[in-house]
Amino acid sequence: MPKITPLDYKKLVKIFETEGFKIIRQKGDHIILTKTGTPRPIVIPMYKEVPVFVIRNNLRVAEITRERYFELLKKIK
C-alpha cells in the first residue's frame, strides 16, 4: 500500500465529490462538503499541498478506507 502524500486541494475535492459529497459553501480559504449519513462536514483548506494529517482526518470522518482513497485517486489522475 502506498503512502498518503500531500495533495492539491482541487484533486482532494474531486475525490470527495466522486464519493458523493457536495460542496455546500466556501468560507475564506476553506471548502466545506457534506453527504447525508456522515457525522459532520468535511473541511478542505485551499492549499497547494493539503497536509497528510488533514487528508487522514477527513477520510476517517467520511469513513473512506485507504484502499478506496487510492482507487479514487487513480480515477482522478
N, C-alpha and C. Protein backbone atom coordinates (compact mmCIF):
# COMPACT_ATOMS: atom_id res chain seq x y z
N MET A 1 0.85 -1.18 0.00
CA MET A 1 0.00 0.00 0.00
C MET A 1 0.89 1.24 0.00
N PRO A 2 0.68 2.14 -0.96
CA PRO A 2 1.49 3.37 -1.00
C PRO A 2 1.19 4.29 0.19
N LYS A 3 2.10 5.21 0.39
CA LYS A 3 1.94 6.20 1.45
C LYS A 3 0.99 7.30 1.00
N ILE A 4 0.24 7.85 1.94
CA ILE A 4 -0.58 9.03 1.65
C ILE A 4 0.37 10.22 1.66
N THR A 5 0.34 10.99 0.58
CA THR A 5 1.23 12.14 0.46
C THR A 5 0.40 13.41 0.35
N PRO A 6 1.00 14.57 0.62
CA PRO A 6 0.27 15.84 0.45
C PRO A 6 -0.28 15.95 -0.98
N LEU A 7 -1.46 16.54 -1.09
CA LEU A 7 -2.17 16.58 -2.35
C LEU A 7 -2.78 17.96 -2.57
N ASP A 8 -2.89 18.39 -3.81
CA ASP A 8 -3.52 19.67 -4.14
C ASP A 8 -5.00 19.61 -3.75
N TYR A 9 -5.52 20.72 -3.24
CA TYR A 9 -6.89 20.73 -2.74
C TYR A 9 -7.91 20.44 -3.83
N LYS A 10 -7.62 20.80 -5.08
CA LYS A 10 -8.57 20.56 -6.17
C LYS A 10 -8.77 19.06 -6.40
N LYS A 11 -7.68 18.31 -6.34
CA LYS A 11 -7.78 16.85 -6.51
C LYS A 11 -8.52 16.24 -5.33
N LEU A 12 -8.25 16.74 -4.14
CA LEU A 12 -8.90 16.21 -2.94
C LEU A 12 -10.40 16.46 -2.99
N VAL A 13 -10.81 17.63 -3.44
CA VAL A 13 -12.23 17.94 -3.58
C VAL A 13 -12.87 16.99 -4.60
N LYS A 14 -12.18 16.72 -5.72
CA LYS A 14 -12.70 15.81 -6.74
C LYS A 14 -12.87 14.40 -6.18
N ILE A 15 -11.93 13.97 -5.33
CA ILE A 15 -12.04 12.64 -4.72
C ILE A 15 -13.31 12.55 -3.88
N PHE A 16 -13.55 13.55 -3.05
CA PHE A 16 -14.74 13.52 -2.20
C PHE A 16 -16.02 13.67 -3.02
N GLU A 17 -15.98 14.46 -4.08
CA GLU A 17 -17.16 14.60 -4.94
C GLU A 17 -17.48 13.29 -5.65
N THR A 18 -16.45 12.57 -6.06
CA THR A 18 -16.64 11.27 -6.69
C THR A 18 -17.30 10.29 -5.72
N GLU A 19 -17.02 10.44 -4.45
CA GLU A 19 -17.58 9.57 -3.41
C GLU A 19 -18.99 10.01 -3.01
N GLY A 20 -19.50 11.11 -3.57
CA GLY A 20 -20.87 11.52 -3.32
C GLY A 20 -21.04 12.76 -2.46
N PHE A 21 -19.96 13.41 -2.11
CA PHE A 21 -20.04 14.63 -1.30
C PHE A 21 -20.36 15.82 -2.19
N LYS A 22 -21.03 16.81 -1.63
CA LYS A 22 -21.39 18.03 -2.36
C LYS A 22 -20.79 19.24 -1.64
N ILE A 23 -20.31 20.21 -2.41
CA ILE A 23 -19.81 21.45 -1.83
C ILE A 23 -21.03 22.27 -1.40
N ILE A 24 -21.08 22.62 -0.10
CA ILE A 24 -22.22 23.41 0.35
C ILE A 24 -21.86 24.88 0.50
N ARG A 25 -20.60 25.15 0.81
CA ARG A 25 -20.18 26.55 0.91
C ARG A 25 -18.66 26.64 0.93
N GLN A 26 -18.21 27.88 0.80
CA GLN A 26 -16.78 28.18 0.92
C GLN A 26 -16.67 29.36 1.87
N LYS A 27 -15.88 29.18 2.90
CA LYS A 27 -15.70 30.25 3.88
C LYS A 27 -14.22 30.57 3.93
N GLY A 28 -13.87 31.77 3.47
CA GLY A 28 -12.45 32.13 3.43
C GLY A 28 -11.71 31.22 2.47
N ASP A 29 -10.67 30.58 2.98
CA ASP A 29 -9.92 29.66 2.13
C ASP A 29 -10.18 28.20 2.49
N HIS A 30 -11.42 27.90 2.92
CA HIS A 30 -11.82 26.54 3.25
C HIS A 30 -13.08 26.16 2.47
N ILE A 31 -13.08 24.94 1.94
CA ILE A 31 -14.24 24.41 1.22
C ILE A 31 -14.91 23.40 2.15
N ILE A 32 -16.22 23.51 2.30
CA ILE A 32 -16.97 22.62 3.18
C ILE A 32 -17.86 21.72 2.32
N LEU A 33 -17.73 20.40 2.54
CA LEU A 33 -18.51 19.42 1.79
C LEU A 33 -19.34 18.59 2.77
N THR A 34 -20.52 18.15 2.32
CA THR A 34 -21.35 17.27 3.16
C THR A 34 -21.92 16.15 2.31
N LYS A 35 -22.39 15.14 3.04
CA LYS A 35 -23.06 13.99 2.43
C LYS A 35 -23.99 13.44 3.51
N THR A 36 -25.18 13.07 3.15
CA THR A 36 -26.08 12.53 4.15
C THR A 36 -25.50 11.25 4.72
N GLY A 37 -25.60 11.11 6.02
CA GLY A 37 -25.08 9.92 6.70
C GLY A 37 -23.71 10.11 7.31
N THR A 38 -23.04 11.22 7.02
CA THR A 38 -21.74 11.47 7.65
C THR A 38 -21.98 12.28 8.93
N PRO A 39 -21.18 12.01 9.95
CA PRO A 39 -21.41 12.66 11.24
C PRO A 39 -21.18 14.17 11.25
N ARG A 40 -20.27 14.66 10.40
CA ARG A 40 -20.01 16.10 10.35
C ARG A 40 -19.46 16.47 8.99
N PRO A 41 -19.44 17.76 8.65
CA PRO A 41 -18.93 18.18 7.33
C PRO A 41 -17.43 17.93 7.18
N ILE A 42 -17.01 17.81 5.93
CA ILE A 42 -15.59 17.68 5.58
C ILE A 42 -15.10 19.08 5.24
N VAL A 43 -13.99 19.49 5.83
CA VAL A 43 -13.42 20.81 5.58
C VAL A 43 -12.06 20.63 4.92
N ILE A 44 -11.92 21.21 3.73
CA ILE A 44 -10.67 21.12 2.98
C ILE A 44 -10.10 22.52 2.81
N PRO A 45 -8.90 22.76 3.35
CA PRO A 45 -8.27 24.07 3.16
C PRO A 45 -7.77 24.20 1.72
N MET A 46 -7.84 25.39 1.18
CA MET A 46 -7.42 25.62 -0.20
C MET A 46 -5.91 25.86 -0.26
N TYR A 47 -5.15 24.80 -0.01
CA TYR A 47 -3.69 24.86 -0.04
C TYR A 47 -3.20 24.14 -1.29
N LYS A 48 -2.03 24.56 -1.77
CA LYS A 48 -1.42 23.87 -2.90
C LYS A 48 -1.11 22.42 -2.52
N GLU A 49 -0.69 22.21 -1.27
CA GLU A 49 -0.46 20.87 -0.75
C GLU A 49 -1.17 20.73 0.59
N VAL A 50 -2.28 19.99 0.60
CA VAL A 50 -3.01 19.75 1.85
C VAL A 50 -2.21 18.73 2.65
N PRO A 51 -1.92 19.02 3.94
CA PRO A 51 -1.11 18.11 4.75
C PRO A 51 -1.76 16.73 4.92
N VAL A 52 -0.92 15.74 5.15
CA VAL A 52 -1.38 14.36 5.29
C VAL A 52 -2.34 14.22 6.47
N PHE A 53 -2.09 14.89 7.58
CA PHE A 53 -2.97 14.73 8.74
C PHE A 53 -4.38 15.23 8.45
N VAL A 54 -4.52 16.24 7.60
CA VAL A 54 -5.85 16.75 7.22
C VAL A 54 -6.55 15.72 6.33
N ILE A 55 -5.81 15.14 5.39
CA ILE A 55 -6.38 14.13 4.49
C ILE A 55 -6.84 12.93 5.31
N ARG A 56 -6.01 12.43 6.20
CA ARG A 56 -6.37 11.27 7.02
C ARG A 56 -7.58 11.55 7.90
N ASN A 57 -7.63 12.72 8.50
CA ASN A 57 -8.75 13.08 9.36
C ASN A 57 -10.05 13.13 8.55
N ASN A 58 -10.00 13.73 7.36
CA ASN A 58 -11.18 13.79 6.52
C ASN A 58 -11.62 12.41 6.04
N LEU A 59 -10.66 11.54 5.73
CA LEU A 59 -11.00 10.17 5.33
C LEU A 59 -11.69 9.43 6.47
N ARG A 60 -11.21 9.64 7.69
CA ARG A 60 -11.80 8.99 8.86
C ARG A 60 -13.24 9.46 9.07
N VAL A 61 -13.46 10.76 8.97
CA VAL A 61 -14.81 11.31 9.15
C VAL A 61 -15.74 10.82 8.04
N ALA A 62 -15.24 10.75 6.82
CA ALA A 62 -16.05 10.32 5.67
C ALA A 62 -16.20 8.80 5.61
N GLU A 63 -15.49 8.09 6.47
CA GLU A 63 -15.49 6.62 6.50
C GLU A 63 -15.06 6.03 5.16
N ILE A 64 -13.99 6.60 4.61
CA ILE A 64 -13.38 6.11 3.38
C ILE A 64 -12.09 5.39 3.77
N THR A 65 -11.93 4.16 3.30
CA THR A 65 -10.72 3.39 3.62
C THR A 65 -9.55 3.86 2.77
N ARG A 66 -8.35 3.47 3.19
CA ARG A 66 -7.15 3.81 2.42
C ARG A 66 -7.22 3.21 1.02
N GLU A 67 -7.71 1.96 0.94
CA GLU A 67 -7.81 1.30 -0.35
C GLU A 67 -8.74 2.07 -1.29
N ARG A 68 -9.89 2.49 -0.77
CA ARG A 68 -10.85 3.26 -1.56
C ARG A 68 -10.27 4.61 -1.97
N TYR A 69 -9.54 5.23 -1.06
CA TYR A 69 -8.89 6.52 -1.36
C TYR A 69 -7.96 6.39 -2.56
N PHE A 70 -7.14 5.33 -2.58
CA PHE A 70 -6.19 5.16 -3.68
C PHE A 70 -6.91 4.78 -4.98
N GLU A 71 -8.04 4.05 -4.88
CA GLU A 71 -8.84 3.77 -6.08
C GLU A 71 -9.36 5.08 -6.68
N LEU A 72 -9.91 5.93 -5.82
CA LEU A 72 -10.46 7.21 -6.28
C LEU A 72 -9.35 8.11 -6.83
N LEU A 73 -8.20 8.08 -6.20
CA LEU A 73 -7.07 8.89 -6.66
C LEU A 73 -6.62 8.49 -8.05
N LYS A 74 -6.64 7.18 -8.35
CA LYS A 74 -6.28 6.70 -9.69
C LYS A 74 -7.29 7.18 -10.73
N LYS A 75 -8.56 7.21 -10.35
CA LYS A 75 -9.60 7.67 -11.28
C LYS A 75 -9.44 9.15 -11.60
N ILE A 76 -9.01 9.94 -10.62
CA ILE A 76 -8.87 11.39 -10.78
C ILE A 76 -7.68 11.73 -11.68
N LYS A 77 -6.57 11.04 -11.49
CA LYS A 77 -5.34 11.38 -12.24
C LYS A 77 -5.42 11.04 -13.68
